[in-house]
Amino acid sequence: MDFSALFQVNLDPEGELSLEVAKRKILNNPNHKEVAKICATLLYENKLKDSLIANCIEQIGALESHLIKIELERNRPFWKRLFRKAYRPYQQELSD
């Protein structure tokens, strides 16, 4: 998958029209207090979305590191995997 494909947004004509209508309604609104409330709400929602995206990216990174760890474990020679499994019970006895 091309990384730039993540940033391509394709709105259907109805979506573009509704966005343009909302934009013009805000720009042509003479009530500055209402516009300020809309801007404040949009800033708050934008911050929440940024936080959500950051959390998702963090989880994706954790999952990818787990997958890399599993892949590295599979590529280890047999005797190293065997030694690691045999050594774990010994470590648990020492910690108890």
PDB file of N, CA and C in Angstrom:
ATOM      1  N   MET A   1       0.839  -1.177   0.000  1.00  0.00           N
ATOM      2  CA  MET A   1       0.000   0.000   0.000  1.00  0.00           C
ATOM      3  C   MET A   1       0.881   1.236   0.000  1.00  0.00           C
ATOM      4  N   ASP A   2       0.557   2.171  -0.842  1.00  0.00           N
ATOM      5  CA  ASP A   2       1.297   3.416  -0.941  1.00  0.00           C
ATOM      6  C   ASP A   2       0.930   4.310   0.238  1.00  0.00           C
ATOM      7  N   PHE A   3       1.948   4.884   0.909  1.00  0.00           N
ATOM      8  CA  PHE A   3       1.712   5.715   2.090  1.00  0.00           C
ATOM      9  C   PHE A   3       0.901   6.961   1.750  1.00  0.00           C
ATOM     10  N   SER A   4       1.102   7.521   0.563  1.00  0.00           N
ATOM     11  CA  SER A   4       0.371   8.732   0.186  1.00  0.00           C
ATOM     12  C   SER A   4      -1.122   8.453  -0.008  1.00  0.00           C
ATOM     13  N   ALA A   5      -1.498   7.197  -0.194  1.00  0.00           N
ATOM     14  CA  ALA A   5      -2.911   6.859  -0.362  1.00  0.00           C
ATOM     15  C   ALA A   5      -3.703   7.114   0.930  1.00  0.00           C
ATOM     16  N   LEU A   6      -3.017   7.142   2.066  1.00  0.00           N
ATOM     17  CA  LEU A   6      -3.696   7.411   3.328  1.00  0.00           C
ATOM     18  C   LEU A   6      -4.220   8.840   3.403  1.00  0.00           C
ATOM     19  N   PHE A   7      -3.599   9.752   2.653  1.00  0.00           N
ATOM     20  CA  PHE A   7      -3.959  11.158   2.738  1.00  0.00           C
ATOM     21  C   PHE A   7      -4.903  11.615   1.623  1.00  0.00           C
ATOM     22  N   GLN A   8      -5.339  10.710   0.803  1.00  0.00           N
ATOM     23  CA  GLN A   8      -6.258  11.064  -0.268  1.00  0.00           C
ATOM     24  C   GLN A   8      -7.691  10.908   0.226  1.00  0.00           C
ATOM     25  N   VAL A   9      -8.431  11.999   0.159  1.00  0.00           N
ATOM     26  CA  VAL A   9      -9.823  11.995   0.601  1.00  0.00           C
ATOM     27  C   VAL A   9     -10.702  12.259  -0.616  1.00  0.00           C
ATOM     28  N   ASN A  10     -11.628  11.379  -0.855  1.00  0.00           N
ATOM     29  CA  ASN A  10     -12.544  11.524  -1.985  1.00  0.00           C
ATOM     30  C   ASN A  10     -13.959  11.717  -1.452  1.00  0.00           C
ATOM     31  N   LEU A  11     -14.436  12.955  -1.539  1.00  0.00           N
ATOM     32  CA  LEU A  11     -15.807  13.236  -1.121  1.00  0.00           C
ATOM     33  C   LEU A  11     -16.738  13.083  -2.317  1.00  0.00           C
ATOM     34  N   ASP A  12     -17.897  12.531  -2.057  1.00  0.00           N
ATOM     35  CA  ASP A  12     -18.899  12.473  -3.119  1.00  0.00           C
ATOM     36  C   ASP A  12     -19.483  13.874  -3.310  1.00  0.00           C
ATOM     37  N   PRO A  13     -20.143  14.140  -4.431  1.00  0.00           N
ATOM     38  CA  PRO A  13     -20.675  15.488  -4.688  1.00  0.00           C
ATOM     39  C   PRO A  13     -21.631  15.985  -3.608  1.00  0.00           C
ATOM     40  N   GLU A  14     -22.426  15.091  -3.027  1.00  0.00           N
ATOM     41  CA  GLU A  14     -23.342  15.502  -1.965  1.00  0.00           C
ATOM     42  C   GLU A  14     -22.575  15.940  -0.715  1.00  0.00           C
ATOM     43  N   GLY A  15     -21.486  15.236  -0.405  1.00  0.00           N
ATOM     44  CA  GLY A  15     -20.667  15.612   0.733  1.00  0.00           C
ATOM     45  C   GLY A  15     -19.982  16.950   0.527  1.00  0.00           C
ATOM     46  N   GLU A  16     -19.483  17.174  -0.679  1.00  0.00           N
ATOM     47  CA  GLU A  16     -18.863  18.457  -0.991  1.00  0.00           C
ATOM     48  C   GLU A  16     -19.877  19.588  -0.905  1.00  0.00           C
ATOM     49  N   LEU A  17     -21.092  19.356  -1.401  1.00  0.00           N
ATOM     50  CA  LEU A  17     -22.120  20.380  -1.365  1.00  0.00           C
ATOM     51  C   LEU A  17     -22.503  20.728   0.066  1.00  0.00           C
ATOM     52  N   SER A  18     -22.706  19.727   0.916  1.00  0.00           N
ATOM     53  CA  SER A  18     -23.080  20.001   2.305  1.00  0.00           C
ATOM     54  C   SER A  18     -21.954  20.723   3.039  1.00  0.00           C
ATOM     55  N   LEU A  19     -20.703  20.377   2.731  1.00  0.00           N
ATOM     56  CA  LEU A  19     -19.564  21.057   3.342  1.00  0.00           C
ATOM     57  C   LEU A  19     -19.498  22.518   2.888  1.00  0.00           C
ATOM     58  N   GLU A  20     -19.724  22.766   1.611  1.00  0.00           N
ATOM     59  CA  GLU A  20     -19.698  24.127   1.076  1.00  0.00           C
ATOM     60  C   GLU A  20     -20.840  24.961   1.658  1.00  0.00           C
ATOM     61  N   VAL A  21     -22.030  24.374   1.799  1.00  0.00           N
ATOM     62  CA  VAL A  21     -23.168  25.095   2.390  1.00  0.00           C
ATOM     63  C   VAL A  21     -22.864  25.476   3.830  1.00  0.00           C
ATOM     64  N   ALA A  22     -22.323  24.563   4.599  1.00  0.00           N
ATOM     65  CA  ALA A  22     -21.992  24.848   5.997  1.00  0.00           C
ATOM     66  C   ALA A  22     -20.905  25.915   6.087  1.00  0.00           C
ATOM     67  N   LYS A  23     -19.920  25.853   5.204  1.00  0.00           N
ATOM     68  CA  LYS A  23     -18.836  26.831   5.208  1.00  0.00           C
ATOM     69  C   LYS A  23     -19.361  28.228   4.899  1.00  0.00           C
ATOM     70  N   ARG A  24     -20.207  28.335   3.887  1.00  0.00           N
ATOM     71  CA  ARG A  24     -20.759  29.645   3.524  1.00  0.00           C
ATOM     72  C   ARG A  24     -21.683  30.189   4.612  1.00  0.00           C
ATOM     73  N   LYS A  25     -22.410  29.290   5.285  1.00  0.00           N
ATOM     74  CA  LYS A  25     -23.294  29.715   6.376  1.00  0.00           C
ATOM     75  C   LYS A  25     -22.479  30.351   7.499  1.00  0.00           C
ATOM     76  N   ILE A  26     -21.348  29.747   7.813  1.00  0.00           N
ATOM     77  CA  ILE A  26     -20.482  30.286   8.868  1.00  0.00           C
ATOM     78  C   ILE A  26     -19.853  31.599   8.423  1.00  0.00           C
ATOM     79  N   LEU A  27     -19.333  31.645   7.203  1.00  0.00           N
ATOM     80  CA  LEU A  27     -18.657  32.853   6.725  1.00  0.00           C
ATOM     81  C   LEU A  27     -19.608  34.033   6.566  1.00  0.00           C
ATOM     82  N   ASN A  28     -20.840  33.787   6.226  1.00  0.00           N
ATOM     83  CA  ASN A  28     -21.802  34.862   6.006  1.00  0.00           C
ATOM     84  C   ASN A  28     -22.627  35.195   7.246  1.00  0.00           C
ATOM     85  N   ASN A  29     -22.346  34.559   8.356  1.00  0.00           N
ATOM     86  CA  ASN A  29     -23.109  34.781   9.578  1.00  0.00           C
ATOM     87  C   ASN A  29     -22.672  36.099  10.231  1.00  0.00           C
ATOM     88  N   PRO A  30     -23.602  37.032  10.454  1.00  0.00           N
ATOM     89  CA  PRO A  30     -23.226  38.306  11.077  1.00  0.00           C
ATOM     90  C   PRO A  30     -23.064  38.199  12.597  1.00  0.00           C
ATOM     91  N   ASN A  31     -23.537  37.133  13.206  1.00  0.00           N
ATOM     92  CA  ASN A  31     -23.458  36.957  14.651  1.00  0.00           C
ATOM     93  C   ASN A  31     -22.085  36.392  15.014  1.00  0.00           C
ATOM     94  N   HIS A  32     -21.207  37.244  15.522  1.00  0.00           N
ATOM     95  CA  HIS A  32     -19.840  36.833  15.817  1.00  0.00           C
ATOM     96  C   HIS A  32     -19.755  35.880  17.022  1.00  0.00           C
ATOM     97  N   LYS A  33     -20.674  36.007  17.957  1.00  0.00           N
ATOM     98  CA  LYS A  33     -20.656  35.102  19.111  1.00  0.00           C
ATOM     99  C   LYS A  33     -20.955  33.668  18.676  1.00  0.00           C
ATOM    100  N   GLU A  34     -21.883  33.515  17.763  1.00  0.00           N
ATOM    101  CA  GLU A  34     -22.212  32.181  17.268  1.00  0.00           C
ATOM    102  C   GLU A  34     -21.036  31.581  16.510  1.00  0.00           C
ATOM    103  N   VAL A  35     -20.376  32.391  15.711  1.00  0.00           N
ATOM    104  CA  VAL A  35     -19.200  31.925  14.969  1.00  0.00           C
ATOM    105  C   VAL A  35     -18.089  31.533  15.937  1.00  0.00           C
ATOM    106  N   ALA A  36     -17.913  32.312  17.008  1.00  0.00           N
ATOM    107  CA  ALA A  36     -16.895  31.994  18.007  1.00  0.00           C
ATOM    108  C   ALA A  36     -17.202  30.667  18.694  1.00  0.00           C
ATOM    109  N   LYS A  37     -18.481  30.412  18.996  1.00  0.00           N
ATOM    110  CA  LYS A  37     -18.862  29.135  19.607  1.00  0.00           C
ATOM    111  C   LYS A  37     -18.582  27.966  18.663  1.00  0.00           C
ATOM    112  N   ILE A  38     -18.884  28.172  17.384  1.00  0.00           N
ATOM    113  CA  ILE A  38     -18.627  27.118  16.397  1.00  0.00           C
ATOM    114  C   ILE A  38     -17.130  26.829  16.311  1.00  0.00           C
ATOM    115  N   CYS A  39     -16.328  27.884  16.284  1.00  0.00           N
ATOM    116  CA  CYS A  39     -14.871  27.704  16.213  1.00  0.00           C
ATOM    117  C   CYS A  39     -14.340  26.991  17.451  1.00  0.00           C
ATOM    118  N   ALA A  40     -14.841  27.375  18.620  1.00  0.00           N
ATOM    119  CA  ALA A  40     -14.396  26.731  19.857  1.00  0.00           C
ATOM    120  C   ALA A  40     -14.765  25.250  19.861  1.00  0.00           C
ATOM    121  N   THR A  41     -15.956  24.933  19.400  1.00  0.00           N
ATOM    122  CA  THR A  41     -16.390  23.539  19.326  1.00  0.00           C
ATOM    123  C   THR A  41     -15.525  22.747  18.354  1.00  0.00           C
ATOM    124  N   LEU A  42     -15.226  23.358  17.215  1.00  0.00           N
ATOM    125  CA  LEU A  42     -14.377  22.683  16.230  1.00  0.00           C
ATOM    126  C   LEU A  42     -12.966  22.448  16.762  1.00  0.00           C
ATOM    127  N   LEU A  43     -12.429  23.411  17.499  1.00  0.00           N
ATOM    128  CA  LEU A  43     -11.107  23.228  18.096  1.00  0.00           C
ATOM    129  C   LEU A  43     -11.104  22.069  19.095  1.00  0.00           C
ATOM    130  N   TYR A  44     -12.161  22.005  19.908  1.00  0.00           N
ATOM    131  CA  TYR A  44     -12.275  20.932  20.893  1.00  0.00           C
ATOM    132  C   TYR A  44     -12.389  19.572  20.204  1.00  0.00           C
ATOM    133  N   GLU A  45     -13.249  19.484  19.199  1.00  0.00           N
ATOM    134  CA  GLU A  45     -13.415  18.222  18.477  1.00  0.00           C
ATOM    135  C   GLU A  45     -12.119  17.819  17.768  1.00  0.00           C
ATOM    136  N   ASN A  46     -11.411  18.800  17.212  1.00  0.00           N
ATOM    137  CA  ASN A  46     -10.149  18.520  16.528  1.00  0.00           C
ATOM    138  C   ASN A  46      -9.119  17.966  17.512  1.00  0.00           C
ATOM    139  N   LYS A  47      -9.066  18.524  18.723  1.00  0.00           N
ATOM    140  CA  LYS A  47      -8.136  18.037  19.736  1.00  0.00           C
ATOM    141  C   LYS A  47      -8.483  16.603  20.142  1.00  0.00           C
ATOM    142  N   LEU A  48      -9.774  16.315  20.285  1.00  0.00           N
ATOM    143  CA  LEU A  48     -10.188  14.949  20.631  1.00  0.00           C
ATOM    144  C   LEU A  48      -9.817  13.959  19.528  1.00  0.00           C
ATOM    145  N   LYS A  49     -10.011  14.357  18.277  1.00  0.00           N
ATOM    146  CA  LYS A  49      -9.649  13.478  17.161  1.00  0.00           C
ATOM    147  C   LYS A  49      -8.157  13.260  17.102  1.00  0.00           C
ATOM    148  N   ASP A  50      -7.366  14.308  17.357  1.00  0.00           N
ATOM    149  CA  ASP A  50      -5.909  14.156  17.391  1.00  0.00           C
ATOM    150  C   ASP A  50      -5.484  13.169  18.472  1.00  0.00           C
ATOM    151  N   SER A  51      -6.121  13.273  19.630  1.00  0.00           N
ATOM    152  CA  SER A  51      -5.817  12.363  20.728  1.00  0.00           C
ATOM    153  C   SER A  51      -6.181  10.925  20.373  1.00  0.00           C
ATOM    154  N   LEU A  52      -7.327  10.744  19.750  1.00  0.00           N
ATOM    155  CA  LEU A  52      -7.764   9.412  19.333  1.00  0.00           C
ATOM    156  C   LEU A  52      -6.791   8.818  18.313  1.00  0.00           C
ATOM    157  N   ILE A  53      -6.392   9.613  17.335  1.00  0.00           N
ATOM    158  CA  ILE A  53      -5.454   9.140  16.315  1.00  0.00           C
ATOM    159  C   ILE A  53      -4.102   8.791  16.948  1.00  0.00           C
ATOM    160  N   ALA A  54      -3.646   9.619  17.887  1.00  0.00           N
ATOM    161  CA  ALA A  54      -2.371   9.335  18.561  1.00  0.00           C
ATOM    162  C   ALA A  54      -2.446   8.011  19.329  1.00  0.00           C
ATOM    163  N   ASN A  55      -3.569   7.770  20.013  1.00  0.00           N
ATOM    164  CA  ASN A  55      -3.730   6.508  20.738  1.00  0.00           C
ATOM    165  C   ASN A  55      -3.758   5.319  19.781  1.00  0.00           C
ATOM    166  N   CYS A  56      -4.426   5.485  18.643  1.00  0.00           N
ATOM    167  CA  CYS A  56      -4.483   4.406  17.651  1.00  0.00           C
ATOM    168  C   CYS A  56      -3.089   4.105  17.094  1.00  0.00           C
ATOM    169  N   ILE A  57      -2.326   5.143  16.800  1.00  0.00           N
ATOM    170  CA  ILE A  57      -0.969   4.950  16.281  1.00  0.00           C
ATOM    171  C   ILE A  57      -0.099   4.259  17.319  1.00  0.00           C
ATOM    172  N   GLU A  58      -0.276   4.624  18.580  1.00  0.00           N
ATOM    173  CA  GLU A  58       0.488   3.978  19.651  1.00  0.00           C
ATOM    174  C   GLU A  58       0.157   2.481  19.736  1.00  0.00           C
ATOM    175  N   GLN A  59      -1.135   2.151  19.636  1.00  0.00           N
ATOM    176  CA  GLN A  59      -1.538   0.741  19.676  1.00  0.00           C
ATOM    177  C   GLN A  59      -1.024  -0.027  18.462  1.00  0.00           C
ATOM    178  N   ILE A  60      -1.053   0.607  17.303  1.00  0.00           N
ATOM    179  CA  ILE A  60      -0.535  -0.036  16.093  1.00  0.00           C
ATOM    180  C   ILE A  60       0.955  -0.307  16.258  1.00  0.00           C
ATOM    181  N   GLY A  61       1.689   0.644  16.823  1.00  0.00           N
ATOM    182  CA  GLY A  61       3.119   0.448  17.062  1.00  0.00           C
ATOM    183  C   GLY A  61       3.379  -0.709  18.022  1.00  0.00           C
ATOM    184  N   ALA A  62       2.569  -0.802  19.074  1.00  0.00           N
ATOM    185  CA  ALA A  62       2.734  -1.901  20.030  1.00  0.00           C
ATOM    186  C   ALA A  62       2.460  -3.245  19.357  1.00  0.00           C
ATOM    187  N   LEU A  63       1.424  -3.305  18.533  1.00  0.00           N
ATOM    188  CA  LEU A  63       1.106  -4.550  17.828  1.00  0.00           C
ATOM    189  C   LEU A  63       2.200  -4.925  16.824  1.00  0.00           C
ATOM    190  N   GLU A  64       2.726  -3.926  16.118  1.00  0.00           N
ATOM    191  CA  GLU A  64       3.800  -4.208  15.168  1.00  0.00           C
ATOM    192  C   GLU A  64       5.050  -4.704  15.871  1.00  0.00           C
ATOM    193  N   SER A  65       5.391  -4.109  17.018  1.00  0.00           N
ATOM    194  CA  SER A  65       6.568  -4.582  17.747  1.00  0.00           C
ATOM    195  C   SER A  65       6.358  -6.001  18.254  1.00  0.00           C
ATOM    196  N   HIS A  66       5.129  -6.320  18.655  1.00  0.00           N
ATOM    197  CA  HIS A  66       4.827  -7.690  19.088  1.00  0.00           C
ATOM    198  C   HIS A  66       4.979  -8.668  17.921  1.00  0.00           C
ATOM    199  N   LEU A  67       4.501  -8.270  16.742  1.00  0.00           N
ATOM    200  CA  LEU A  67       4.646  -9.129  15.561  1.00  0.00           C
ATOM    201  C   LEU A  67       6.111  -9.322  15.187  1.00  0.00           C
ATOM    202  N   ILE A  68       6.901  -8.266  15.284  1.00  0.00           N
ATOM    203  CA  ILE A  68       8.337  -8.379  14.986  1.00  0.00           C
ATOM    204  C   ILE A  68       9.000  -9.328  15.972  1.00  0.00           C
ATOM    205  N   LYS A  69       8.616  -9.228  17.230  1.00  0.00           N
ATOM    206  CA  LYS A  69       9.172 -10.117  18.254  1.00  0.00           C
ATOM    207  C   LYS A  69       8.834 -11.574  17.942  1.00  0.00           C
ATOM    208  N   ILE A  70       7.593 -11.827  17.537  1.00  0.00           N
ATOM    209  CA  ILE A  70       7.178 -13.184  17.181  1.00  0.00           C
ATOM    210  C   ILE A  70       7.963 -13.678  15.968  1.00  0.00           C
ATOM    211  N   GLU A  71       8.131 -12.816  14.972  1.00  0.00           N
ATOM    212  CA  GLU A  71       8.859 -13.195  13.763  1.00  0.00           C
ATOM    213  C   GLU A  71      10.322 -13.496  14.078  1.00  0.00           C
ATOM    214  N   LEU A  72      10.924 -12.699  14.934  1.00  0.00           N
ATOM    215  CA  LEU A  72      12.318 -12.965  15.320  1.00  0.00           C
ATOM    216  C   LEU A  72      12.433 -14.273  16.091  1.00  0.00           C
ATOM    217  N   GLU A  73      11.425 -14.558  16.915  1.00  0.00           N
ATOM    218  CA  GLU A  73      11.424 -15.813  17.670  1.00  0.00           C
ATOM    219  C   GLU A  73      11.344 -17.015  16.728  1.00  0.00           C
ATOM    220  N   ARG A  74      10.561 -16.887  15.677  1.00  0.00           N
ATOM    221  CA  ARG A  74      10.442 -17.987  14.715  1.00  0.00           C
ATOM    222  C   ARG A  74      11.734 -18.224  13.947  1.00  0.00           C
ATOM    223  N   ASN A  75      12.477 -17.160  13.727  1.00  0.00           N
ATOM    224  CA  ASN A  75      13.697 -17.276  12.936  1.00  0.00           C
ATOM    225  C   ASN A  75      14.911 -17.703  13.751  1.00  0.00           C
ATOM    226  N   ARG A  76      14.756 -17.871  15.034  1.00  0.00           N
ATOM    227  CA  ARG A  76      15.874 -18.325  15.867  1.00  0.00           C
ATOM    228  C   ARG A  76      16.161 -19.799  15.601  1.00  0.00           C
ATOM    229  N   PRO A  77      17.397 -20.175  15.758  1.00  0.00           N
ATOM    230  CA  PRO A  77      17.719 -21.604  15.626  1.00  0.00           C
ATOM    231  C   PRO A  77      16.995 -22.432  16.693  1.00  0.00           C
ATOM    232  N   PHE A  78      16.794 -23.685  16.398  1.00  0.00           N
ATOM    233  CA  PHE A  78      16.038 -24.567  17.277  1.00  0.00           C
ATOM    234  C   PHE A  78      16.674 -24.665  18.663  1.00  0.00           C
ATOM    235  N   TRP A  79      17.988 -24.779  18.720  1.00  0.00           N
ATOM    236  CA  TRP A  79      18.638 -24.975  20.010  1.00  0.00           C
ATOM    237  C   TRP A  79      18.498 -23.745  20.911  1.00  0.00           C
ATOM    238  N   LYS A  80      18.414 -22.549  20.326  1.00  0.00           N
ATOM    239  CA  LYS A  80      18.216 -21.358  21.149  1.00  0.00           C
ATOM    240  C   LYS A  80      16.806 -21.323  21.723  1.00  0.00           C
ATOM    241  N   ARG A  81      15.817 -21.710  20.917  1.00  0.00           N
ATOM    242  CA  ARG A  81      14.446 -21.750  21.411  1.00  0.00           C
ATOM    243  C   ARG A  81      14.309 -22.801  22.504  1.00  0.00           C
ATOM    244  N   LEU A  82      14.947 -23.940  22.311  1.00  0.00           N
ATOM    245  CA  LEU A  82      14.894 -25.014  23.290  1.00  0.00           C
ATOM    246  C   LEU A  82      15.540 -24.580  24.601  1.00  0.00           C
ATOM    247  N   PHE A  83      16.697 -23.926  24.504  1.00  0.00           N
ATOM    248  CA  PHE A  83      17.396 -23.465  25.698  1.00  0.00           C
ATOM    249  C   PHE A  83      16.557 -22.432  26.447  1.00  0.00           C
ATOM    250  N   ARG A  84      15.889 -21.539  25.711  1.00  0.00           N
ATOM    251  CA  ARG A  84      15.069 -20.521  26.342  1.00  0.00           C
ATOM    252  C   ARG A  84      13.901 -21.153  27.099  1.00  0.00           C
ATOM    253  N   LYS A  85      13.256 -22.163  26.504  1.00  0.00           N
ATOM    254  CA  LYS A  85      12.144 -22.832  27.172  1.00  0.00           C
ATOM    255  C   LYS A  85      12.620 -23.613  28.391  1.00  0.00           C
ATOM    256  N   ALA A  86      13.788 -24.205  28.295  1.00  0.00           N
ATOM    257  CA  ALA A  86      14.319 -24.976  29.421  1.00  0.00           C
ATOM    258  C   ALA A  86      14.802 -24.064  30.534  1.00  0.00           C
ATOM    259  N   TYR A  87      15.211 -22.861  30.204  1.00  0.00           N
ATOM    260  CA  TYR A  87      15.771 -21.946  31.178  1.00  0.00           C
ATOM    261  C   TYR A  87      14.693 -21.202  31.963  1.00  0.00           C
ATOM    262  N   ARG A  88      13.503 -21.033  31.402  1.00  0.00           N
ATOM    263  CA  ARG A  88      12.430 -20.288  32.068  1.00  0.00           C
ATOM    264  C   ARG A  88      12.019 -20.897  33.415  1.00  0.00           C
ATOM    265  N   PRO A  89      11.771 -22.208  33.507  1.00  0.00           N
ATOM    266  CA  PRO A  89      11.382 -22.753  34.825  1.00  0.00           C
ATOM    267  C   PRO A  89      12.465 -22.522  35.880  1.00  0.00           C
ATOM    268  N   TYR A  90      13.724 -22.562  35.474  1.00  0.00           N
ATOM    269  CA  TYR A  90      14.813 -22.320  36.404  1.00  0.00           C
ATOM    270  C   TYR A  90      14.769 -20.881  36.917  1.00  0.00           C
ATOM    271  N   GLN A  91      14.458 -19.935  36.055  1.00  0.00           N
ATOM    272  CA  GLN A  91      14.363 -18.534  36.469  1.00  0.00           C
ATOM    273  C   GLN A  91      13.205 -18.343  37.434  1.00  0.00           C
ATOM    274  N   GLN A  92      12.093 -19.030  37.211  1.00  0.00           N
ATOM    275  CA  GLN A  92      10.947 -18.898  38.108  1.00  0.00           C
ATOM    276  C   GLN A  92      11.257 -19.452  39.495  1.00  0.00           C
ATOM    277  N   GLU A  93      12.014 -20.549  39.556  1.00  0.00           N
ATOM    278  CA  GLU A  93      12.392 -21.111  40.865  1.00  0.00           C
ATOM    279  C   GLU A  93      13.275 -20.144  41.632  1.00  0.00           C
ATOM    280  N   LEU A  94      14.157 -19.454  40.938  1.00  0.00           N
ATOM    281  CA  LEU A  94      15.039 -18.502  41.598  1.00  0.00           C
ATOM    282  C   LEU A  94      14.269 -17.290  42.148  1.00  0.00           C
ATOM    283  N   SER A  95      13.248 -16.879  41.422  1.00  0.00           N
ATOM    284  CA  SER A  95      12.500 -15.689  41.850  1.00  0.00           C
ATOM    285  C   SER A  95      11.546 -16.002  43.005  1.00  0.00           C
ATOM    286  N   ASP A  96      11.164 -17.256  43.199  1.00  0.00           N
ATOM    287  CA  ASP A  96      10.228 -17.621  44.283  1.00  0.00           C
ATOM    288  C   ASP A  96      10.893 -17.690  45.600  1.00  0.00           C
TER     289      ASP A  96
END
